Amino acid sequence: MSEKTLFFELFQPFAQYRNPFTFYYAQTYPLPPKSTIIGMLQNACDDWYGNKYGIDNWWNLKLSVHGGFESVFWNYQGLIKGDVELKNDGKLWNQNFHLYGEGIKSQRTPVYQQELFNGHLYIFVKGDVTLIEKIKVALERPYKVLSLGRSEDVVFIKEIKEITPYKAINVEGDIKLKYPTYILKENLPISKMRYPVYSIPVKVIFKNDGVHIKHKSVITKETEREVEFGRVIYTGYDYNLILKEGKNIHCEFYKLKDKEDKEIRIAKEGWI
């Protein structure tokens, strides 16, 4: 199968990529996980459930995400517990109480949400030529407002282009990484594990009776959300990956602009 690599740069004013392993507060991942980015691309292509281009083609895409946010803050919110239903009286109900209006209302759960502010993201997507071309067209001329994470977390696309590495070599000693990124932890030959480790969702499929759904209308309370997680390290800004003696990692070098500080290096394990 022939492949292409697409690069796009995003600006995102606010974001919250919910870490499902936090309960008493809503922690955000520092960068969007693979499943979140794939969801945005499926939305852009109007192919949420893989009917047009194939569910396997979507999840076989390899992603590498780089960049970060200017600051982190905490937001105190009252979230609605349980399912919201529209009943015959034309009003919204939740847990047998009115969602809005006078009298006793449905229960809200006050919770702290960790949120990100002013994000600059550099995303690489590698995969099937036909699908990459469809994604490129959809991002160049989006027919709807695009979001990454929550529906209110809109993104602004600054640049889109097909890209190839100007250099690909096996690197020994250390790898200098300018921008924060995720790197798959398994079998990573680094000498000191001094990085935060996360389990991020890398694949999400909705199923009814073991068969992936093909339309939103068939989602019910019994629909299963099948999630596959991958263990990654998060590198932070201007980090060095110190390799074990005698070990090397295949690394690709991409020049985004003429300036040297816009070079991004992707280790083999950086493709998720």
C-alpha atoms as a PDB file:
ATOM      1  CA  MET A   1       0.000   0.000   0.000  1.00  0.00           C
ATOM      2  CA  SER A   2       1.387   3.383  -1.017  1.00  0.00           C
ATOM      3  CA  GLU A   3       1.416   6.038   1.695  1.00  0.00           C
ATOM      4  CA  LYS A   4       1.569   9.805   2.020  1.00  0.00           C
ATOM      5  CA  THR A   5       2.267  12.081   4.962  1.00  0.00           C
ATOM      6  CA  LEU A   6       0.136  15.150   5.617  1.00  0.00           C
ATOM      7  CA  PHE A   7       1.202  17.970   7.912  1.00  0.00           C
ATOM      8  CA  PHE A   8      -1.125  20.572   9.382  1.00  0.00           C
ATOM      9  CA  GLU A   9      -0.609  23.306  11.950  1.00  0.00           C
ATOM     10  CA  LEU A  10      -3.451  24.287  14.294  1.00  0.00           C
ATOM     11  CA  PHE A  11      -4.156  27.075  16.733  1.00  0.00           C
ATOM     12  CA  GLN A  12      -6.601  26.197  19.515  1.00  0.00           C
ATOM     13  CA  PRO A  13      -7.674  28.898  22.013  1.00  0.00           C
ATOM     14  CA  PHE A  14      -9.016  26.464  24.649  1.00  0.00           C
ATOM     15  CA  ALA A  15      -8.927  22.685  25.074  1.00  0.00           C
ATOM     16  CA  GLN A  16      -9.717  19.876  27.482  1.00  0.00           C
ATOM     17  CA  TYR A  17      -8.630  16.368  26.449  1.00  0.00           C
ATOM     18  CA  ARG A  18     -10.209  14.404  29.274  1.00  0.00           C
ATOM     19  CA  ASN A  19      -8.051  11.778  30.966  1.00  0.00           C
ATOM     20  CA  PRO A  20     -10.585   9.014  31.811  1.00  0.00           C
ATOM     21  CA  PHE A  21      -8.381   7.705  34.636  1.00  0.00           C
ATOM     22  CA  THR A  22      -9.091  10.774  36.807  1.00  0.00           C
ATOM     23  CA  PHE A  23     -12.258  10.837  38.899  1.00  0.00           C
ATOM     24  CA  TYR A  24     -12.309  13.527  41.604  1.00  0.00           C
ATOM     25  CA  TYR A  25     -11.236  16.145  39.097  1.00  0.00           C
ATOM     26  CA  ALA A  26     -11.065  16.194  35.305  1.00  0.00           C
ATOM     27  CA  GLN A  27      -7.424  16.139  34.300  1.00  0.00           C
ATOM     28  CA  THR A  28      -6.544  16.932  30.709  1.00  0.00           C
ATOM     29  CA  TYR A  29      -3.894  15.198  28.655  1.00  0.00           C
ATOM     30  CA  PRO A  30      -1.161  17.718  27.723  1.00  0.00           C
ATOM     31  CA  LEU A  31      -1.642  16.991  24.007  1.00  0.00           C
ATOM     32  CA  PRO A  32      -4.581  15.511  22.100  1.00  0.00           C
ATOM     33  CA  PRO A  33      -4.433  11.686  21.980  1.00  0.00           C
ATOM     34  CA  LYS A  34      -4.678   9.776  18.718  1.00  0.00           C
ATOM     35  CA  SER A  35      -8.364   8.921  19.090  1.00  0.00           C
ATOM     36  CA  THR A  36      -9.256  12.605  19.547  1.00  0.00           C
ATOM     37  CA  ILE A  37      -7.377  13.655  16.402  1.00  0.00           C
ATOM     38  CA  ILE A  38      -8.884  10.814  14.360  1.00  0.00           C
ATOM     39  CA  GLY A  39     -12.329  11.911  15.578  1.00  0.00           C
ATOM     40  CA  MET A  40     -11.696  15.455  14.343  1.00  0.00           C
ATOM     41  CA  LEU A  41     -10.566  14.163  10.941  1.00  0.00           C
ATOM     42  CA  GLN A  42     -13.569  11.850  10.637  1.00  0.00           C
ATOM     43  CA  ASN A  43     -15.818  14.788  11.471  1.00  0.00           C
ATOM     44  CA  ALA A  44     -14.097  16.956   8.843  1.00  0.00           C
ATOM     45  CA  CYS A  45     -14.619  14.209   6.232  1.00  0.00           C
ATOM     46  CA  ASP A  46     -18.199  13.517   7.391  1.00  0.00           C
ATOM     47  CA  ASP A  47     -17.224   9.891   7.995  1.00  0.00           C
ATOM     48  CA  TRP A  48     -17.691   9.406  11.747  1.00  0.00           C
ATOM     49  CA  TYR A  49     -18.234   5.661  11.469  1.00  0.00           C
ATOM     50  CA  GLY A  50     -15.949   4.744   8.560  1.00  0.00           C
ATOM     51  CA  ASN A  51     -18.699   4.036   6.032  1.00  0.00           C
ATOM     52  CA  LYS A  52     -17.082   6.077   3.251  1.00  0.00           C
ATOM     53  CA  TYR A  53     -13.389   5.294   3.596  1.00  0.00           C
ATOM     54  CA  GLY A  54     -13.309   2.186   5.787  1.00  0.00           C
ATOM     55  CA  ILE A  55     -13.054   1.950   9.561  1.00  0.00           C
ATOM     56  CA  ASP A  56      -9.744   0.053   9.333  1.00  0.00           C
ATOM     57  CA  ASN A  57      -8.207   2.707   7.081  1.00  0.00           C
ATOM     58  CA  TRP A  58      -8.973   5.344   9.695  1.00  0.00           C
ATOM     59  CA  TRP A  59      -7.424   3.494  12.613  1.00  0.00           C
ATOM     60  CA  ASN A  60      -4.445   2.312  10.559  1.00  0.00           C
ATOM     61  CA  LEU A  61      -3.376   5.939  10.160  1.00  0.00           C
ATOM     62  CA  LYS A  62      -0.170   6.795  12.012  1.00  0.00           C
ATOM     63  CA  LEU A  63      -0.055  10.112  13.862  1.00  0.00           C
ATOM     64  CA  SER A  64       2.644  12.219  15.454  1.00  0.00           C
ATOM     65  CA  VAL A  65       1.563  15.275  17.451  1.00  0.00           C
ATOM     66  CA  HIS A  66       3.897  18.067  18.610  1.00  0.00           C
ATOM     67  CA  GLY A  67       3.536  21.470  20.253  1.00  0.00           C
ATOM     68  CA  GLY A  68       1.861  22.697  23.381  1.00  0.00           C
ATOM     69  CA  PHE A  69      -0.178  25.303  25.202  1.00  0.00           C
ATOM     70  CA  GLU A  70       0.812  28.602  26.768  1.00  0.00           C
ATOM     71  CA  SER A  71      -0.838  27.945  30.128  1.00  0.00           C
ATOM     72  CA  VAL A  72      -3.002  25.609  32.210  1.00  0.00           C
ATOM     73  CA  PHE A  73      -5.864  26.721  34.431  1.00  0.00           C
ATOM     74  CA  TRP A  74      -8.651  25.202  36.544  1.00  0.00           C
ATOM     75  CA  ASN A  75     -12.337  25.702  35.826  1.00  0.00           C
ATOM     76  CA  TYR A  76     -14.998  24.904  38.441  1.00  0.00           C
ATOM     77  CA  GLN A  77     -18.124  23.556  36.740  1.00  0.00           C
ATOM     78  CA  GLY A  78     -21.403  21.899  37.649  1.00  0.00           C
ATOM     79  CA  LEU A  79     -21.747  18.931  35.330  1.00  0.00           C
ATOM     80  CA  ILE A  80     -25.025  17.108  34.703  1.00  0.00           C
ATOM     81  CA  LYS A  81     -25.131  13.523  35.932  1.00  0.00           C
ATOM     82  CA  GLY A  82     -26.828  10.803  33.893  1.00  0.00           C
ATOM     83  CA  ASP A  83     -28.725  10.896  30.605  1.00  0.00           C
ATOM     84  CA  VAL A  84     -30.795  13.820  29.377  1.00  0.00           C
ATOM     85  CA  GLU A  85     -34.139  12.893  27.802  1.00  0.00           C
ATOM     86  CA  LEU A  86     -36.709  14.843  25.797  1.00  0.00           C
ATOM     87  CA  LYS A  87     -40.127  13.645  26.996  1.00  0.00           C
ATOM     88  CA  ASN A  88     -43.622  13.988  25.543  1.00  0.00           C
ATOM     89  CA  ASP A  89     -44.229  17.229  27.426  1.00  0.00           C
ATOM     90  CA  GLY A  90     -41.580  18.834  25.242  1.00  0.00           C
ATOM     91  CA  LYS A  91     -39.249  19.435  28.191  1.00  0.00           C
ATOM     92  CA  LEU A  92     -35.810  18.069  28.996  1.00  0.00           C
ATOM     93  CA  TRP A  93     -35.622  15.649  31.941  1.00  0.00           C
ATOM     94  CA  ASN A  94     -32.746  14.103  33.835  1.00  0.00           C
ATOM     95  CA  GLN A  95     -33.021  11.531  36.641  1.00  0.00           C
ATOM     96  CA  ASN A  96     -36.822  12.140  36.775  1.00  0.00           C
ATOM     97  CA  PHE A  97     -36.342  15.858  37.407  1.00  0.00           C
ATOM     98  CA  HIS A  98     -36.604  18.820  35.084  1.00  0.00           C
ATOM     99  CA  LEU A  99     -33.270  19.774  33.599  1.00  0.00           C
ATOM    100  CA  TYR A 100     -34.236  23.455  33.667  1.00  0.00           C
ATOM    101  CA  GLY A 101     -37.093  25.511  35.079  1.00  0.00           C
ATOM    102  CA  GLU A 102     -38.638  26.154  38.463  1.00  0.00           C
ATOM    103  CA  GLY A 103     -38.761  23.711  41.335  1.00  0.00           C
ATOM    104  CA  ILE A 104     -36.417  20.819  42.038  1.00  0.00           C
ATOM    105  CA  LYS A 105     -33.910  20.350  39.235  1.00  0.00           C
ATOM    106  CA  SER A 106     -31.773  17.401  38.239  1.00  0.00           C
ATOM    107  CA  GLN A 107     -28.534  16.920  40.098  1.00  0.00           C
ATOM    108  CA  ARG A 108     -25.376  18.732  39.069  1.00  0.00           C
ATOM    109  CA  THR A 109     -21.955  17.520  40.148  1.00  0.00           C
ATOM    110  CA  PRO A 110     -19.465  20.315  40.919  1.00  0.00           C
ATOM    111  CA  VAL A 111     -16.044  19.349  39.653  1.00  0.00           C
ATOM    112  CA  TYR A 112     -12.728  20.986  38.864  1.00  0.00           C
ATOM    113  CA  GLN A 113     -11.747  20.787  35.224  1.00  0.00           C
ATOM    114  CA  GLN A 114      -8.151  21.283  34.147  1.00  0.00           C
ATOM    115  CA  GLU A 115      -8.095  23.237  30.891  1.00  0.00           C
ATOM    116  CA  LEU A 116      -5.471  24.387  28.415  1.00  0.00           C
ATOM    117  CA  PHE A 117      -5.105  27.863  26.939  1.00  0.00           C
ATOM    118  CA  ASN A 118      -3.642  29.023  23.602  1.00  0.00           C
ATOM    119  CA  GLY A 119      -2.393  25.872  21.908  1.00  0.00           C
ATOM    120  CA  HIS A 120      -0.024  25.666  18.954  1.00  0.00           C
ATOM    121  CA  LEU A 121      -0.084  22.148  17.513  1.00  0.00           C
ATOM    122  CA  TYR A 122       1.914  20.526  14.715  1.00  0.00           C
ATOM    123  CA  ILE A 123       0.299  17.282  13.571  1.00  0.00           C
ATOM    124  CA  PHE A 124       1.605  14.701  11.097  1.00  0.00           C
ATOM    125  CA  VAL A 125      -0.695  12.038   9.626  1.00  0.00           C
ATOM    126  CA  LYS A 126       0.667   9.119   7.597  1.00  0.00           C
ATOM    127  CA  GLY A 127      -1.391   6.516   5.765  1.00  0.00           C
ATOM    128  CA  ASP A 128      -3.292   5.383   2.696  1.00  0.00           C
ATOM    129  CA  VAL A 129      -2.856   7.837  -0.204  1.00  0.00           C
ATOM    130  CA  THR A 130      -6.563   8.072  -1.023  1.00  0.00           C
ATOM    131  CA  LEU A 131      -7.594   8.793   2.558  1.00  0.00           C
ATOM    132  CA  ILE A 132      -4.793  11.323   3.072  1.00  0.00           C
ATOM    133  CA  GLU A 133      -5.940  13.196  -0.047  1.00  0.00           C
ATOM    134  CA  LYS A 134      -9.551  13.215   1.230  1.00  0.00           C
ATOM    135  CA  ILE A 135      -8.390  14.583   4.589  1.00  0.00           C
ATOM    136  CA  LYS A 136      -6.324  17.304   2.899  1.00  0.00           C
ATOM    137  CA  VAL A 137      -9.290  18.524   0.843  1.00  0.00           C
ATOM    138  CA  ALA A 138     -11.612  18.420   3.865  1.00  0.00           C
ATOM    139  CA  LEU A 139      -9.216  20.494   5.986  1.00  0.00           C
ATOM    140  CA  GLU A 140      -8.506  22.992   3.214  1.00  0.00           C
ATOM    141  CA  ARG A 141     -12.215  23.646   2.650  1.00  0.00           C
ATOM    142  CA  PRO A 142     -14.069  22.603   5.818  1.00  0.00           C
ATOM    143  CA  TYR A 143     -17.846  22.643   5.493  1.00  0.00           C
ATOM    144  CA  LYS A 144     -18.312  23.072   9.248  1.00  0.00           C
ATOM    145  CA  VAL A 145     -16.524  24.570  12.232  1.00  0.00           C
ATOM    146  CA  LEU A 146     -13.924  22.045  13.375  1.00  0.00           C
ATOM    147  CA  SER A 147     -13.188  21.214  17.002  1.00  0.00           C
ATOM    148  CA  LEU A 148     -10.619  19.047  18.744  1.00  0.00           C
ATOM    149  CA  GLY A 149     -11.789  17.446  21.983  1.00  0.00           C
ATOM    150  CA  ARG A 150     -14.995  19.016  23.233  1.00  0.00           C
ATOM    151  CA  SER A 151     -17.416  20.454  20.685  1.00  0.00           C
ATOM    152  CA  GLU A 152     -16.739  23.978  21.999  1.00  0.00           C
ATOM    153  CA  ASP A 153     -12.949  23.611  21.609  1.00  0.00           C
ATOM    154  CA  VAL A 154     -12.695  25.006  18.091  1.00  0.00           C
ATOM    155  CA  VAL A 155      -9.487  24.945  16.059  1.00  0.00           C
ATOM    156  CA  PHE A 156      -8.069  27.296  13.438  1.00  0.00           C
ATOM    157  CA  ILE A 157      -6.015  25.705  10.673  1.00  0.00           C
ATOM    158  CA  LYS A 158      -2.921  27.778   9.855  1.00  0.00           C
ATOM    159  CA  GLU A 159      -1.171  25.544   7.326  1.00  0.00           C
ATOM    160  CA  ILE A 160      -1.752  22.273   5.462  1.00  0.00           C
ATOM    161  CA  LYS A 161       0.646  20.510   3.137  1.00  0.00           C
ATOM    162  CA  GLU A 162       1.962  17.140   2.065  1.00  0.00           C
ATOM    163  CA  ILE A 163       5.434  16.630   3.452  1.00  0.00           C
ATOM    164  CA  THR A 164       8.408  14.301   3.278  1.00  0.00           C
ATOM    165  CA  PRO A 165      11.440  14.124   5.585  1.00  0.00           C
ATOM    166  CA  TYR A 166      14.570  15.793   4.263  1.00  0.00           C
ATOM    167  CA  LYS A 167      16.619  13.267   6.233  1.00  0.00           C
ATOM    168  CA  ALA A 168      15.977   9.870   7.856  1.00  0.00           C
ATOM    169  CA  ILE A 169      18.798   8.211   9.812  1.00  0.00           C
ATOM    170  CA  ASN A 170      19.502   5.938  12.773  1.00  0.00           C
ATOM    171  CA  VAL A 171      20.454   8.173  15.696  1.00  0.00           C
ATOM    172  CA  GLU A 172      22.772   7.113  18.525  1.00  0.00           C
ATOM    173  CA  GLY A 173      23.539   8.851  21.808  1.00  0.00           C
ATOM    174  CA  ASP A 174      20.635  11.263  22.148  1.00  0.00           C
ATOM    175  CA  ILE A 175      17.786  12.865  20.202  1.00  0.00           C
ATOM    176  CA  LYS A 176      17.076  16.556  20.721  1.00  0.00           C
ATOM    177  CA  LEU A 177      13.317  17.287  20.664  1.00  0.00           C
ATOM    178  CA  LYS A 178      12.320  20.954  20.557  1.00  0.00           C
ATOM    179  CA  TYR A 179       8.559  20.562  20.970  1.00  0.00           C
ATOM    180  CA  PRO A 180       6.609  18.381  23.411  1.00  0.00           C
ATOM    181  CA  THR A 181       5.372  15.130  21.884  1.00  0.00           C
ATOM    182  CA  TYR A 182       4.152  11.628  22.694  1.00  0.00           C
ATOM    183  CA  ILE A 183       6.434   8.633  22.174  1.00  0.00           C
ATOM    184  CA  LEU A 184       5.357   5.017  22.593  1.00  0.00           C
ATOM    185  CA  LYS A 185       6.940   3.683  25.765  1.00  0.00           C
ATOM    186  CA  GLU A 186       7.107  -0.032  24.972  1.00  0.00           C
ATOM    187  CA  ASN A 187      10.603  -1.235  23.996  1.00  0.00           C
ATOM    188  CA  LEU A 188      11.904   2.336  23.944  1.00  0.00           C
ATOM    189  CA  PRO A 189      15.729   2.078  24.443  1.00  0.00           C
ATOM    190  CA  ILE A 190      16.292   5.162  26.594  1.00  0.00           C
ATOM    191  CA  SER A 191      18.644   5.133  29.570  1.00  0.00           C
ATOM    192  CA  LYS A 192      16.632   7.217  32.051  1.00  0.00           C
ATOM    193  CA  MET A 193      12.855   7.126  32.312  1.00  0.00           C
ATOM    194  CA  ARG A 194      12.363  10.623  33.739  1.00  0.00           C
ATOM    195  CA  TYR A 195       9.316  11.607  31.738  1.00  0.00           C
ATOM    196  CA  PRO A 196       5.590  11.618  32.604  1.00  0.00           C
ATOM    197  CA  VAL A 197       3.857   8.463  31.374  1.00  0.00           C
ATOM    198  CA  TYR A 198       0.245   8.429  30.174  1.00  0.00           C
ATOM    199  CA  SER A 199      -2.158   5.810  28.879  1.00  0.00           C
ATOM    200  CA  ILE A 200      -3.849   7.527  25.951  1.00  0.00           C
ATOM    201  CA  PRO A 201      -6.743   6.226  23.840  1.00  0.00           C
ATOM    202  CA  VAL A 202      -5.413   5.232  20.416  1.00  0.00           C
ATOM    203  CA  LYS A 203      -8.545   3.562  19.036  1.00  0.00           C
ATOM    204  CA  VAL A 204     -12.244   3.951  19.835  1.00  0.00           C
ATOM    205  CA  ILE A 205     -15.023   1.940  18.181  1.00  0.00           C
ATOM    206  CA  PHE A 206     -18.707   1.948  19.086  1.00  0.00           C
ATOM    207  CA  LYS A 207     -20.381  -1.454  18.815  1.00  0.00           C
ATOM    208  CA  ASN A 208     -23.817  -3.016  19.118  1.00  0.00           C
ATOM    209  CA  ASP A 209     -23.673  -6.742  19.898  1.00  0.00           C
ATOM    210  CA  GLY A 210     -20.006  -6.836  18.865  1.00  0.00           C
ATOM    211  CA  VAL A 211     -20.556  -5.145  15.470  1.00  0.00           C
ATOM    212  CA  HIS A 212     -19.332  -1.582  14.939  1.00  0.00           C
ATOM    213  CA  ILE A 213     -22.165   0.849  14.361  1.00  0.00           C
ATOM    214  CA  LYS A 214     -22.584   2.648  11.049  1.00  0.00           C
ATOM    215  CA  HIS A 215     -24.859   5.505  12.055  1.00  0.00           C
ATOM    216  CA  LYS A 216     -25.466   7.714  15.073  1.00  0.00           C
ATOM    217  CA  SER A 217     -29.170   6.841  15.094  1.00  0.00           C
ATOM    218  CA  VAL A 218     -28.464   3.274  16.276  1.00  0.00           C
ATOM    219  CA  ILE A 219     -26.579   4.363  19.414  1.00  0.00           C
ATOM    220  CA  THR A 220     -28.457   3.304  22.549  1.00  0.00           C
ATOM    221  CA  LYS A 221     -27.718   2.951  26.251  1.00  0.00           C
ATOM    222  CA  GLU A 222     -26.533  -0.575  25.488  1.00  0.00           C
ATOM    223  CA  THR A 223     -24.005   0.540  22.840  1.00  0.00           C
ATOM    224  CA  GLU A 224     -20.484  -0.513  23.820  1.00  0.00           C
ATOM    225  CA  ARG A 225     -17.580   1.913  23.588  1.00  0.00           C
ATOM    226  CA  GLU A 226     -14.514  -0.222  22.889  1.00  0.00           C
ATOM    227  CA  VAL A 227     -11.310   1.672  23.691  1.00  0.00           C
ATOM    228  CA  GLU A 228      -7.711   0.636  23.068  1.00  0.00           C
ATOM    229  CA  PHE A 229      -5.004   2.435  25.062  1.00  0.00           C
ATOM    230  CA  GLY A 230      -1.320   2.936  24.362  1.00  0.00           C
ATOM    231  CA  ARG A 231       1.370   3.826  26.938  1.00  0.00           C
ATOM    232  CA  VAL A 232       3.358   6.888  25.969  1.00  0.00           C
ATOM    233  CA  ILE A 233       5.905   9.221  27.489  1.00  0.00           C
ATOM    234  CA  TYR A 234       5.389  12.965  27.260  1.00  0.00           C
ATOM    235  CA  THR A 235       8.645  14.762  26.577  1.00  0.00           C
ATOM    236  CA  GLY A 236       8.051  18.461  27.254  1.00  0.00           C
ATOM    237  CA  TYR A 237       9.977  21.352  25.674  1.00  0.00           C
ATOM    238  CA  ASP A 238      13.636  21.102  24.632  1.00  0.00           C
ATOM    239  CA  TYR A 239      14.087  17.564  25.888  1.00  0.00           C
ATOM    240  CA  ASN A 240      16.839  15.129  25.108  1.00  0.00           C
ATOM    241  CA  LEU A 241      16.049  11.454  24.733  1.00  0.00           C
ATOM    242  CA  ILE A 242      19.197   9.823  26.113  1.00  0.00           C
ATOM    243  CA  LEU A 243      19.589   6.401  24.494  1.00  0.00           C
ATOM    244  CA  LYS A 244      21.113   3.351  26.082  1.00  0.00           C
ATOM    245  CA  GLU A 245      24.691   2.648  25.119  1.00  0.00           C
ATOM    246  CA  GLY A 246      24.905   0.801  21.806  1.00  0.00           C
ATOM    247  CA  LYS A 247      21.249   1.462  20.975  1.00  0.00           C
ATOM    248  CA  ASN A 248      19.834   3.629  18.216  1.00  0.00           C
ATOM    249  CA  ILE A 249      16.449   4.910  17.058  1.00  0.00           C
ATOM    250  CA  HIS A 250      15.407   5.568  13.489  1.00  0.00           C
ATOM    251  CA  CYS A 251      14.505   9.237  13.257  1.00  0.00           C
ATOM    252  CA  GLU A 252      12.949  11.403  10.538  1.00  0.00           C
ATOM    253  CA  PHE A 253      13.770  15.103  10.195  1.00  0.00           C
ATOM    254  CA  TYR A 254      11.119  17.479   8.823  1.00  0.00           C
ATOM    255  CA  LYS A 255      11.755  21.093   7.898  1.00  0.00           C
ATOM    256  CA  LEU A 256       8.499  23.050   8.300  1.00  0.00           C
ATOM    257  CA  LYS A 257       9.877  26.434   7.261  1.00  0.00           C
ATOM    258  CA  ASP A 258      13.176  27.978   6.304  1.00  0.00           C
ATOM    259  CA  LYS A 259      14.001  28.775   9.927  1.00  0.00           C
ATOM    260  CA  GLU A 260      16.011  26.149  11.746  1.00  0.00           C
ATOM    261  CA  ASP A 261      13.804  26.336  14.867  1.00  0.00           C
ATOM    262  CA  LYS A 262      10.912  24.956  12.822  1.00  0.00           C
ATOM    263  CA  GLU A 263      12.570  21.584  12.351  1.00  0.00           C
ATOM    264  CA  ILE A 264      10.654  18.685  13.892  1.00  0.00           C
ATOM    265  CA  ARG A 265      12.227  15.298  14.556  1.00  0.00           C
ATOM    266  CA  ILE A 266      10.044  12.202  14.749  1.00  0.00           C
ATOM    267  CA  ALA A 267      11.472   9.030  16.227  1.00  0.00           C
ATOM    268  CA  LYS A 268      10.106   5.737  14.949  1.00  0.00           C
ATOM    269  CA  GLU A 269       8.270   5.297  18.261  1.00  0.00           C
ATOM    270  CA  GLY A 270       6.787   8.810  17.827  1.00  0.00           C
ATOM    271  CA  TRP A 271       4.368   7.484  15.214  1.00  0.00           C
ATOM    272  CA  ILE A 272       1.330   6.327  17.186  1.00  0.00           C
END
